Amino acid sequence: MDIGANLKAVRKLKGLSQRELAKRAGVTNSTISMIEKNSVSPSVSSLKKVLAGIPMSLVDFFSIDDGSIGDQKVVYRGNELLDIGTGELVYKLIGRDYPNRAMSVMSETYPVNADTGAEMLQHKGEEGGIIIEGKLELTVGAEVFILEKGDSYYFNSEQPHRFRNPFEEPCKLTSATTPADF
C-alpha cells in the first residue's frame, strides 16, 4: 500500500489542505508533506494521530484499496487478514468486516529492533495479549516489563504505553483491544 498517496487522496476527498490536517492532528505541515511524499514511514501512533484529524480509523484507511466488505464471516484465512502495521511492524487485523466489532483482535509481529515509536501510545479502552514467539519489551506508565513466550499482559490503555523489540529474534503475539478503533 502507498500510505502517502492514500493519505493525500483521503485528505483531498475530505477537502482538507495539508495545513488544516496538520492543525487538526497536532503535527507540523512538513510531517503531512513528508508522509504524503513517502519521505518518511510514520509509526502506528503517528499515523493514528494524523488520521484522527480527518477523522478516520486505521482499519478504514488500510481498507481503501481493498474496498471489500463481505458477508459476516466466522473464519478468516491468513491471506485474508488486513495488515494495518506501518514500517516494519506487522499488525494483521482479524475480523475486520465483522459488523459492529466490539474489539480489535490482531496477530502482531515485531521484527528485531522494531518499536511503536518514541511517542507513547495512549487511547481509551483496554488492551491484552499473549507472546507466541520471542520476547518483547512493554512499557506501561513508568514500568518496563520484559515478556517472553507464554507471558501475557492486560492493562487500561489510557495509560501511556509502548512496545519494542530490542532482542535478537522477531516477536510474535496475539492481542486484543477495546474499543474496536483499529
N, C-alpha and C. Protein backbone atom coordinates (compact mmCIF):
# COMPACT_ATOMS: atom_id res chain seq x y z
N MET A 1 0.84 -1.18 0.00
CA MET A 1 0.00 0.00 0.00
C MET A 1 0.88 1.24 0.00
N ASP A 2 0.49 2.23 -0.77
CA ASP A 2 1.19 3.51 -0.81
C ASP A 2 0.53 4.43 0.21
N ILE A 3 1.08 4.45 1.42
CA ILE A 3 0.49 5.22 2.52
C ILE A 3 0.40 6.70 2.16
N GLY A 4 1.48 7.24 1.57
CA GLY A 4 1.49 8.65 1.21
C GLY A 4 0.41 9.03 0.22
N ALA A 5 0.29 8.24 -0.85
CA ALA A 5 -0.72 8.53 -1.87
C ALA A 5 -2.13 8.39 -1.30
N ASN A 6 -2.34 7.39 -0.45
CA ASN A 6 -3.66 7.21 0.14
C ASN A 6 -4.00 8.35 1.09
N LEU A 7 -3.04 8.79 1.88
CA LEU A 7 -3.30 9.90 2.79
C LEU A 7 -3.66 11.15 1.99
N LYS A 8 -2.91 11.42 0.94
CA LYS A 8 -3.18 12.59 0.10
C LYS A 8 -4.57 12.51 -0.52
N ALA A 9 -4.93 11.33 -1.03
CA ALA A 9 -6.25 11.15 -1.66
C ALA A 9 -7.37 11.36 -0.64
N VAL A 10 -7.24 10.79 0.55
CA VAL A 10 -8.26 10.93 1.58
C VAL A 10 -8.36 12.39 2.03
N ARG A 11 -7.21 13.01 2.23
CA ARG A 11 -7.19 14.43 2.65
C ARG A 11 -7.92 15.29 1.64
N LYS A 12 -7.63 15.10 0.35
CA LYS A 12 -8.27 15.90 -0.70
C LYS A 12 -9.76 15.59 -0.80
N LEU A 13 -10.11 14.31 -0.65
CA LEU A 13 -11.51 13.91 -0.69
C LEU A 13 -12.31 14.61 0.41
N LYS A 14 -11.68 14.80 1.56
CA LYS A 14 -12.34 15.46 2.69
C LYS A 14 -12.23 16.98 2.60
N GLY A 15 -11.57 17.48 1.54
CA GLY A 15 -11.46 18.92 1.33
C GLY A 15 -10.52 19.60 2.30
N LEU A 16 -9.50 18.90 2.75
CA LEU A 16 -8.56 19.47 3.71
C LEU A 16 -7.23 19.82 3.04
N SER A 17 -6.68 20.95 3.40
CA SER A 17 -5.32 21.29 2.97
C SER A 17 -4.35 20.57 3.91
N GLN A 18 -3.09 20.50 3.49
CA GLN A 18 -2.08 19.92 4.39
C GLN A 18 -2.03 20.71 5.70
N ARG A 19 -2.12 22.01 5.58
CA ARG A 19 -2.05 22.88 6.76
C ARG A 19 -3.22 22.60 7.72
N GLU A 20 -4.44 22.45 7.17
CA GLU A 20 -5.61 22.20 8.02
C GLU A 20 -5.51 20.83 8.69
N LEU A 21 -5.10 19.81 7.93
CA LEU A 21 -4.96 18.48 8.53
C LEU A 21 -3.90 18.50 9.61
N ALA A 22 -2.79 19.16 9.37
CA ALA A 22 -1.72 19.26 10.36
C ALA A 22 -2.23 19.92 11.64
N LYS A 23 -2.99 20.99 11.48
CA LYS A 23 -3.56 21.71 12.64
C LYS A 23 -4.49 20.79 13.43
N ARG A 24 -5.38 20.09 12.71
CA ARG A 24 -6.34 19.20 13.38
C ARG A 24 -5.64 18.05 14.09
N ALA A 25 -4.56 17.55 13.48
CA ALA A 25 -3.86 16.37 14.03
C ALA A 25 -2.82 16.75 15.07
N GLY A 26 -2.49 18.04 15.17
CA GLY A 26 -1.48 18.47 16.13
C GLY A 26 -0.06 18.11 15.71
N VAL A 27 0.19 18.14 14.39
CA VAL A 27 1.52 17.88 13.86
C VAL A 27 1.91 19.04 12.95
N THR A 28 3.14 19.04 12.45
CA THR A 28 3.58 20.12 11.58
C THR A 28 3.14 19.86 10.14
N ASN A 29 3.07 20.94 9.36
CA ASN A 29 2.75 20.82 7.93
C ASN A 29 3.77 19.91 7.24
N SER A 30 5.04 20.04 7.63
CA SER A 30 6.08 19.25 6.98
C SER A 30 5.90 17.76 7.27
N THR A 31 5.34 17.41 8.41
CA THR A 31 5.07 16.00 8.72
C THR A 31 4.09 15.43 7.71
N ILE A 32 2.99 16.15 7.46
CA ILE A 32 1.99 15.70 6.49
C ILE A 32 2.63 15.59 5.11
N SER A 33 3.39 16.60 4.72
CA SER A 33 4.04 16.62 3.41
C SER A 33 4.99 15.44 3.25
N MET A 34 5.81 15.18 4.27
CA MET A 34 6.79 14.08 4.18
C MET A 34 6.09 12.72 4.10
N ILE A 35 4.98 12.55 4.84
CA ILE A 35 4.23 11.28 4.77
C ILE A 35 3.65 11.12 3.37
N GLU A 36 3.05 12.18 2.84
CA GLU A 36 2.42 12.10 1.52
C GLU A 36 3.43 11.85 0.41
N LYS A 37 4.66 12.32 0.59
CA LYS A 37 5.72 12.10 -0.41
C LYS A 37 6.45 10.78 -0.17
N ASN A 38 6.04 10.04 0.88
CA ASN A 38 6.71 8.80 1.28
C ASN A 38 8.17 9.02 1.63
N SER A 39 8.50 10.24 2.11
CA SER A 39 9.85 10.54 2.57
C SER A 39 10.11 9.91 3.93
N VAL A 40 9.03 9.71 4.69
CA VAL A 40 9.11 9.05 5.99
C VAL A 40 8.03 7.98 6.06
N SER A 41 8.30 6.99 6.85
CA SER A 41 7.29 5.95 7.11
C SER A 41 6.80 6.20 8.53
N PRO A 42 5.57 6.67 8.69
CA PRO A 42 5.09 7.04 10.02
C PRO A 42 4.93 5.82 10.93
N SER A 43 5.15 6.02 12.22
CA SER A 43 4.87 4.97 13.19
C SER A 43 3.36 4.79 13.27
N VAL A 44 2.92 3.70 13.86
CA VAL A 44 1.48 3.46 14.02
C VAL A 44 0.85 4.61 14.80
N SER A 45 1.50 5.03 15.88
CA SER A 45 0.92 6.10 16.70
C SER A 45 0.86 7.41 15.92
N SER A 46 1.88 7.71 15.11
CA SER A 46 1.87 8.94 14.31
C SER A 46 0.77 8.90 13.26
N LEU A 47 0.64 7.77 12.56
CA LEU A 47 -0.39 7.66 11.54
C LEU A 47 -1.78 7.76 12.17
N LYS A 48 -1.95 7.12 13.31
CA LYS A 48 -3.25 7.17 14.00
C LYS A 48 -3.58 8.61 14.40
N LYS A 49 -2.57 9.34 14.85
CA LYS A 49 -2.74 10.74 15.24
C LYS A 49 -3.15 11.59 14.03
N VAL A 50 -2.49 11.38 12.89
CA VAL A 50 -2.82 12.12 11.68
C VAL A 50 -4.23 11.79 11.21
N LEU A 51 -4.57 10.50 11.22
CA LEU A 51 -5.90 10.08 10.77
C LEU A 51 -7.01 10.60 11.69
N ALA A 52 -6.69 10.81 12.96
CA ALA A 52 -7.69 11.36 13.90
C ALA A 52 -8.10 12.77 13.47
N GLY A 53 -7.22 13.46 12.75
CA GLY A 53 -7.55 14.80 12.26
C GLY A 53 -8.52 14.79 11.08
N ILE A 54 -8.78 13.63 10.51
CA ILE A 54 -9.66 13.57 9.33
C ILE A 54 -11.14 13.55 9.70
N PRO A 55 -11.70 12.80 10.59
CA PRO A 55 -11.27 11.62 11.34
C PRO A 55 -11.50 10.33 10.54
N MET A 56 -10.59 9.37 10.76
CA MET A 56 -10.66 8.08 10.08
C MET A 56 -9.88 7.06 10.90
N SER A 57 -10.40 5.84 11.00
CA SER A 57 -9.71 4.79 11.74
C SER A 57 -8.62 4.17 10.88
N LEU A 58 -7.68 3.50 11.52
CA LEU A 58 -6.63 2.78 10.79
C LEU A 58 -7.24 1.72 9.87
N VAL A 59 -8.26 1.02 10.34
CA VAL A 59 -8.90 -0.02 9.53
C VAL A 59 -9.49 0.59 8.27
N ASP A 60 -10.22 1.69 8.41
CA ASP A 60 -10.81 2.34 7.24
C ASP A 60 -9.72 2.79 6.27
N PHE A 61 -8.65 3.34 6.81
CA PHE A 61 -7.56 3.83 5.97
C PHE A 61 -6.92 2.69 5.18
N PHE A 62 -6.62 1.58 5.86
CA PHE A 62 -5.95 0.48 5.19
C PHE A 62 -6.91 -0.35 4.33
N SER A 63 -8.20 -0.11 4.44
CA SER A 63 -9.17 -0.82 3.61
C SER A 63 -9.47 -0.10 2.31
N ILE A 64 -8.92 1.08 2.11
CA ILE A 64 -9.24 1.90 0.94
C ILE A 64 -9.00 1.15 -0.36
N ASP A 65 -7.81 0.56 -0.54
CA ASP A 65 -7.50 -0.15 -1.78
C ASP A 65 -8.36 -1.39 -1.94
N ASP A 66 -8.62 -2.04 -0.81
CA ASP A 66 -9.32 -3.31 -0.83
C ASP A 66 -10.78 -3.13 -1.23
N GLY A 67 -11.46 -2.22 -0.54
CA GLY A 67 -12.84 -1.90 -0.87
C GLY A 67 -13.84 -3.00 -0.61
N SER A 68 -13.42 -4.11 -0.05
CA SER A 68 -14.36 -5.22 0.13
C SER A 68 -14.89 -5.28 1.55
N ILE A 69 -16.17 -5.29 1.64
CA ILE A 69 -16.85 -5.54 2.91
C ILE A 69 -17.76 -6.72 2.63
N GLY A 70 -17.35 -7.87 3.10
CA GLY A 70 -18.06 -9.10 2.75
C GLY A 70 -19.18 -9.43 3.71
N ASP A 71 -19.74 -10.64 3.52
CA ASP A 71 -20.75 -11.15 4.44
C ASP A 71 -20.10 -11.42 5.78
N GLN A 72 -20.92 -11.54 6.80
CA GLN A 72 -20.39 -11.84 8.11
C GLN A 72 -19.69 -13.19 8.05
N LYS A 73 -18.44 -13.22 8.46
CA LYS A 73 -17.64 -14.43 8.39
C LYS A 73 -17.39 -14.96 9.79
N VAL A 74 -17.05 -16.21 9.85
CA VAL A 74 -16.65 -16.83 11.10
C VAL A 74 -15.16 -17.13 11.07
N VAL A 75 -14.66 -17.57 9.92
CA VAL A 75 -13.26 -17.95 9.77
C VAL A 75 -12.57 -16.96 8.84
N TYR A 76 -11.39 -16.53 9.22
CA TYR A 76 -10.58 -15.62 8.41
C TYR A 76 -9.26 -16.32 8.11
N ARG A 77 -9.00 -16.59 6.85
CA ARG A 77 -7.77 -17.26 6.43
C ARG A 77 -6.61 -16.28 6.53
N GLY A 78 -5.42 -16.81 6.73
CA GLY A 78 -4.23 -15.98 6.88
C GLY A 78 -4.04 -14.97 5.77
N ASN A 79 -4.33 -15.36 4.53
CA ASN A 79 -4.14 -14.44 3.41
C ASN A 79 -5.25 -13.40 3.30
N GLU A 80 -6.28 -13.47 4.14
CA GLU A 80 -7.38 -12.51 4.11
C GLU A 80 -7.23 -11.41 5.16
N LEU A 81 -6.25 -11.56 6.05
CA LEU A 81 -6.10 -10.60 7.14
C LEU A 81 -5.53 -9.29 6.61
N LEU A 82 -6.08 -8.18 7.07
CA LEU A 82 -5.65 -6.86 6.66
C LEU A 82 -4.47 -6.42 7.51
N ASP A 83 -3.33 -6.10 6.87
CA ASP A 83 -2.15 -5.63 7.60
C ASP A 83 -2.29 -4.12 7.78
N ILE A 84 -2.47 -3.69 9.03
CA ILE A 84 -2.60 -2.27 9.32
C ILE A 84 -1.34 -1.72 9.98
N GLY A 85 -0.26 -2.49 9.96
CA GLY A 85 1.01 -2.03 10.51
C GLY A 85 1.65 -1.00 9.61
N THR A 86 2.62 -0.29 10.14
CA THR A 86 3.36 0.67 9.34
C THR A 86 4.84 0.35 9.48
N GLY A 87 5.61 0.74 8.48
CA GLY A 87 7.04 0.45 8.51
C GLY A 87 7.24 -1.04 8.58
N GLU A 88 8.06 -1.46 9.52
CA GLU A 88 8.37 -2.88 9.62
C GLU A 88 7.42 -3.65 10.55
N LEU A 89 6.55 -2.95 11.26
CA LEU A 89 5.60 -3.62 12.16
C LEU A 89 4.49 -4.27 11.36
N VAL A 90 4.13 -5.49 11.73
CA VAL A 90 3.04 -6.20 11.06
C VAL A 90 1.90 -6.36 12.07
N TYR A 91 0.76 -5.75 11.77
CA TYR A 91 -0.44 -5.87 12.59
C TYR A 91 -1.52 -6.42 11.68
N LYS A 92 -1.81 -7.70 11.79
CA LYS A 92 -2.84 -8.31 10.94
C LYS A 92 -4.15 -8.36 11.73
N LEU A 93 -5.12 -7.60 11.25
CA LEU A 93 -6.41 -7.46 11.91
C LEU A 93 -7.30 -8.65 11.58
N ILE A 94 -7.84 -9.26 12.61
CA ILE A 94 -8.73 -10.41 12.47
C ILE A 94 -10.17 -9.90 12.59
N GLY A 95 -11.02 -10.28 11.63
CA GLY A 95 -12.43 -9.92 11.70
C GLY A 95 -12.74 -8.50 11.31
N ARG A 96 -11.98 -7.93 10.41
CA ARG A 96 -12.15 -6.51 10.07
C ARG A 96 -13.55 -6.18 9.56
N ASP A 97 -14.20 -7.11 8.87
CA ASP A 97 -15.51 -6.81 8.30
C ASP A 97 -16.66 -7.34 9.16
N TYR A 98 -16.35 -7.75 10.38
CA TYR A 98 -17.40 -8.20 11.29
C TYR A 98 -18.22 -6.98 11.69
N PRO A 99 -19.53 -7.03 11.53
CA PRO A 99 -20.35 -5.84 11.81
C PRO A 99 -20.31 -5.43 13.28
N ASN A 100 -20.13 -4.15 13.50
CA ASN A 100 -20.15 -3.57 14.86
C ASN A 100 -19.20 -4.27 15.83
N ARG A 101 -17.96 -4.50 15.37
CA ARG A 101 -16.96 -5.14 16.23
C ARG A 101 -16.84 -4.39 17.56
N ALA A 102 -16.76 -5.14 18.65
CA ALA A 102 -16.59 -4.54 19.97
C ALA A 102 -15.12 -4.52 20.38
N MET A 103 -14.29 -5.28 19.66
CA MET A 103 -12.86 -5.33 19.98
C MET A 103 -12.07 -5.53 18.69
N SER A 104 -10.80 -5.19 18.76
CA SER A 104 -9.87 -5.45 17.66
C SER A 104 -8.96 -6.57 18.10
N VAL A 105 -8.90 -7.63 17.31
CA VAL A 105 -8.01 -8.76 17.59
C VAL A 105 -6.97 -8.77 16.49
N MET A 106 -5.70 -8.86 16.88
CA MET A 106 -4.63 -8.80 15.90
C MET A 106 -3.55 -9.85 16.14
N SER A 107 -2.94 -10.27 15.05
CA SER A 107 -1.73 -11.06 15.07
C SER A 107 -0.62 -10.07 14.76
N GLU A 108 0.31 -9.90 15.69
CA GLU A 108 1.33 -8.87 15.55
C GLU A 108 2.72 -9.49 15.42
N THR A 109 3.57 -8.87 14.62
CA THR A 109 4.96 -9.28 14.52
C THR A 109 5.85 -8.05 14.68
N TYR A 110 6.78 -8.15 15.61
CA TYR A 110 7.76 -7.10 15.85
C TYR A 110 9.13 -7.64 15.44
N PRO A 111 9.66 -7.21 14.29
CA PRO A 111 11.00 -7.64 13.90
C PRO A 111 12.03 -7.14 14.91
N VAL A 112 13.25 -7.64 14.80
CA VAL A 112 14.35 -7.19 15.66
C VAL A 112 14.47 -5.67 15.55
N ASN A 113 14.57 -5.00 16.68
CA ASN A 113 14.70 -3.53 16.81
C ASN A 113 13.45 -2.76 16.42
N ALA A 114 12.32 -3.42 16.24
CA ALA A 114 11.07 -2.72 15.92
C ALA A 114 10.54 -2.02 17.18
N ASP A 115 9.79 -0.95 16.95
CA ASP A 115 9.33 -0.11 18.05
C ASP A 115 8.04 0.58 17.60
N THR A 116 7.09 0.78 18.51
CA THR A 116 5.87 1.51 18.13
C THR A 116 6.12 3.00 18.04
N GLY A 117 7.32 3.44 18.40
CA GLY A 117 7.68 4.85 18.27
C GLY A 117 8.07 5.45 19.60
N ALA A 118 8.84 6.51 19.54
CA ALA A 118 9.31 7.17 20.76
C ALA A 118 8.15 7.78 21.54
N GLU A 119 7.10 8.22 20.82
CA GLU A 119 5.93 8.79 21.47
C GLU A 119 5.07 7.65 22.02
N MET A 120 4.77 7.71 23.29
CA MET A 120 3.97 6.66 23.93
C MET A 120 2.55 6.67 23.35
N LEU A 121 1.98 5.47 23.20
CA LEU A 121 0.60 5.32 22.75
C LEU A 121 -0.33 5.57 23.93
N GLN A 122 -1.50 6.08 23.66
CA GLN A 122 -2.48 6.33 24.72
C GLN A 122 -3.84 6.47 24.05
N HIS A 123 -4.80 5.67 24.48
CA HIS A 123 -6.15 5.73 23.90
C HIS A 123 -7.13 5.13 24.87
N LYS A 124 -8.41 5.37 24.65
CA LYS A 124 -9.45 4.81 25.53
C LYS A 124 -9.49 3.31 25.37
N GLY A 125 -9.91 2.62 26.40
CA GLY A 125 -10.13 1.19 26.32
C GLY A 125 -9.16 0.36 27.11
N GLU A 126 -9.13 -0.90 26.75
CA GLU A 126 -8.28 -1.89 27.40
C GLU A 126 -7.52 -2.65 26.34
N GLU A 127 -6.42 -3.28 26.76
CA GLU A 127 -5.55 -3.97 25.82
C GLU A 127 -4.98 -5.20 26.50
N GLY A 128 -4.92 -6.28 25.76
CA GLY A 128 -4.34 -7.51 26.30
C GLY A 128 -3.70 -8.32 25.18
N GLY A 129 -2.79 -9.20 25.57
CA GLY A 129 -2.15 -10.03 24.55
C GLY A 129 -1.33 -11.13 25.16
N ILE A 130 -0.85 -12.03 24.31
CA ILE A 130 0.00 -13.14 24.74
C ILE A 130 1.13 -13.32 23.73
N ILE A 131 2.33 -13.52 24.24
CA ILE A 131 3.51 -13.70 23.40
C ILE A 131 3.52 -15.14 22.89
N ILE A 132 3.61 -15.28 21.56
CA ILE A 132 3.62 -16.60 20.92
C ILE A 132 5.05 -17.04 20.65
N GLU A 133 5.91 -16.12 20.21
CA GLU A 133 7.33 -16.40 19.92
C GLU A 133 8.16 -15.20 20.30
N GLY A 134 9.38 -15.44 20.75
CA GLY A 134 10.33 -14.36 21.02
C GLY A 134 10.08 -13.65 22.33
N LYS A 135 10.61 -12.42 22.41
CA LYS A 135 10.50 -11.57 23.60
C LYS A 135 10.07 -10.18 23.17
N LEU A 136 9.48 -9.46 24.11
CA LEU A 136 9.01 -8.10 23.83
C LEU A 136 9.18 -7.25 25.08
N GLU A 137 9.58 -6.00 24.88
CA GLU A 137 9.64 -5.05 25.98
C GLU A 137 8.36 -4.22 25.95
N LEU A 138 7.64 -4.20 27.05
CA LEU A 138 6.39 -3.44 27.18
C LEU A 138 6.59 -2.39 28.26
N THR A 139 6.31 -1.14 27.91
CA THR A 139 6.36 -0.05 28.89
C THR A 139 4.93 0.42 29.11
N VAL A 140 4.49 0.44 30.37
CA VAL A 140 3.18 0.97 30.74
C VAL A 140 3.43 1.96 31.86
N GLY A 141 3.13 3.24 31.58
CA GLY A 141 3.45 4.28 32.54
C GLY A 141 4.96 4.34 32.71
N ALA A 142 5.44 4.25 33.94
CA ALA A 142 6.88 4.30 34.21
C ALA A 142 7.49 2.91 34.35
N GLU A 143 6.66 1.85 34.26
CA GLU A 143 7.16 0.49 34.42
C GLU A 143 7.53 -0.15 33.09
N VAL A 144 8.64 -0.88 33.10
CA VAL A 144 9.10 -1.59 31.91
C VAL A 144 9.08 -3.08 32.23
N PHE A 145 8.47 -3.86 31.33
CA PHE A 145 8.34 -5.30 31.51
C PHE A 145 8.99 -6.02 30.33
N ILE A 146 9.65 -7.13 30.60
CA ILE A 146 10.18 -7.99 29.56
C ILE A 146 9.28 -9.23 29.52
N LEU A 147 8.63 -9.43 28.37
CA LEU A 147 7.70 -10.55 28.21
C LEU A 147 8.33 -11.60 27.31
N GLU A 148 8.19 -12.87 27.68
CA GLU A 148 8.71 -13.98 26.90
C GLU A 148 7.57 -14.88 26.47
N LYS A 149 7.89 -15.85 25.60
CA LYS A 149 6.89 -16.78 25.09
C LYS A 149 6.02 -17.31 26.22
N GLY A 150 4.70 -17.22 26.03
CA GLY A 150 3.75 -17.69 27.04
C GLY A 150 3.32 -16.62 28.02
N ASP A 151 4.08 -15.52 28.14
CA ASP A 151 3.69 -14.42 29.02
C ASP A 151 2.58 -13.61 28.37
N SER A 152 1.79 -12.94 29.19
CA SER A 152 0.70 -12.13 28.65
C SER A 152 0.60 -10.81 29.40
N TYR A 153 -0.21 -9.92 28.88
CA TYR A 153 -0.41 -8.61 29.51
C TYR A 153 -1.87 -8.20 29.35
N TYR A 154 -2.30 -7.30 30.22
CA TYR A 154 -3.64 -6.73 30.16
C TYR A 154 -3.59 -5.43 30.94
N PHE A 155 -3.98 -4.31 30.34
CA PHE A 155 -3.93 -3.03 31.03
C PHE A 155 -4.93 -2.04 30.46
N ASN A 156 -5.17 -0.98 31.21
CA ASN A 156 -6.01 0.13 30.77
C ASN A 156 -5.17 0.95 29.80
N SER A 157 -5.59 1.02 28.54
CA SER A 157 -4.76 1.67 27.52
C SER A 157 -4.83 3.20 27.54
N GLU A 158 -5.52 3.76 28.55
CA GLU A 158 -5.43 5.20 28.75
C GLU A 158 -4.08 5.55 29.39
N GLN A 159 -3.42 4.54 29.94
CA GLN A 159 -2.07 4.73 30.46
C GLN A 159 -1.11 4.80 29.28
N PRO A 160 -0.13 5.70 29.31
CA PRO A 160 0.84 5.76 28.22
C PRO A 160 1.57 4.40 28.12
N HIS A 161 1.74 3.91 26.89
CA HIS A 161 2.38 2.61 26.72
C HIS A 161 3.14 2.54 25.41
N ARG A 162 4.04 1.57 25.35
CA ARG A 162 4.93 1.43 24.20
C ARG A 162 5.38 -0.02 24.11
N PHE A 163 5.53 -0.50 22.88
CA PHE A 163 6.03 -1.85 22.64
C PHE A 163 7.31 -1.75 21.82
N ARG A 164 8.34 -2.55 22.17
CA ARG A 164 9.54 -2.58 21.35
C ARG A 164 10.25 -3.92 21.48
N ASN A 165 11.01 -4.24 20.45
CA ASN A 165 11.75 -5.50 20.43
C ASN A 165 13.24 -5.22 20.27
N PRO A 166 13.96 -5.03 21.40
CA PRO A 166 15.41 -4.81 21.32
C PRO A 166 16.19 -6.13 21.33
N PHE A 167 15.49 -7.23 21.14
CA PHE A 167 16.10 -8.55 21.26
C PHE A 167 16.58 -9.08 19.92
N GLU A 168 17.18 -10.25 19.92
CA GLU A 168 17.85 -10.78 18.73
C GLU A 168 16.98 -11.66 17.84
N GLU A 169 15.69 -11.77 18.15
CA GLU A 169 14.79 -12.55 17.30
C GLU A 169 13.44 -11.84 17.21
N PRO A 170 12.71 -12.06 16.12
CA PRO A 170 11.39 -11.43 15.99
C PRO A 170 10.44 -11.90 17.10
N CYS A 171 9.49 -11.06 17.43
CA CYS A 171 8.48 -11.40 18.43
C CYS A 171 7.12 -11.47 17.75
N LYS A 172 6.38 -12.54 18.02
CA LYS A 172 5.02 -12.68 17.51
C LYS A 172 4.08 -12.78 18.70
N LEU A 173 2.94 -12.10 18.58
CA LEU A 173 1.97 -12.13 19.66
C LEU A 173 0.57 -11.99 19.09
N THR A 174 -0.41 -12.34 19.89
CA THR A 174 -1.80 -12.13 19.56
C THR A 174 -2.34 -11.15 20.58
N SER A 175 -3.07 -10.13 20.11
CA SER A 175 -3.55 -9.10 21.02
C SER A 175 -5.01 -8.77 20.76
N ALA A 176 -5.62 -8.11 21.73
CA ALA A 176 -6.98 -7.60 21.59
C ALA A 176 -7.05 -6.24 22.26
N THR A 177 -7.80 -5.33 21.65
CA THR A 177 -8.01 -4.02 22.22
C THR A 177 -9.48 -3.65 22.14
N THR A 178 -9.91 -2.83 23.09
CA THR A 178 -11.23 -2.23 23.03
C THR A 178 -11.02 -0.73 23.14
N PRO A 179 -11.85 0.10 22.59
CA PRO A 179 -12.87 -0.27 21.61
C PRO A 179 -12.21 -0.68 20.30
N ALA A 180 -13.01 -1.11 19.35
CA ALA A 180 -12.50 -1.60 18.06
C ALA A 180 -12.19 -0.45 17.12
N ASP A 181 -11.19 0.37 17.50
CA ASP A 181 -10.87 1.51 16.63
C ASP A 181 -9.62 1.29 15.80
N PHE A 182 -9.11 0.09 15.80
CA PHE A 182 -8.02 -0.28 14.88
C PHE A 182 -8.63 -0.88 13.66
